[in-house]
Amino acid sequence: MENPHDPTPPQWEKLFPRDVLGRIALALIALLFGPISGAFLFAMLFVQNRQNPDRWVRLVIVEVALAFFTFSVVGLIWAIATPRWLESALPRVAARLGIAIGIGFIPFAIVALWALFQV
């Protein structure tokens, strides 16, 4: 929980800045990564792949593309409007996202360790 009397800015403010130059940079990054990750996500979800890579690899690629696309959309909304509802939700969402990513990578870590120790 954040202390309202603490003068240090919260950690999420590094990703979502309040100053004008930071918001312009965030908008440019969002406009760069948004269409790229969106097109890649669309291709991975809806276009049939003849090579058919492993399901786990495909799942990781889709999740990474979805994370970049979501960050781009939220970053663009933040850069344009900086809404209060998004500002109040960021600390909770960041904590839950960190827990979800950590739990989501446990199976991949197990598979990686298993593959590492195969003879």
Foldseek 3Di string as FASTA:
>chain_A
DDDPPDPDDDPCCVQQPDDLVSLVVLLVLLVVLQVVLVVVLCCLPPPDDPVDDDPVVSVVSNVVSVVSNVSSVVSNCCSPPVDPVCVVCVVVVVVVVVVVVVVVCPVVVVVVVVVVPDD
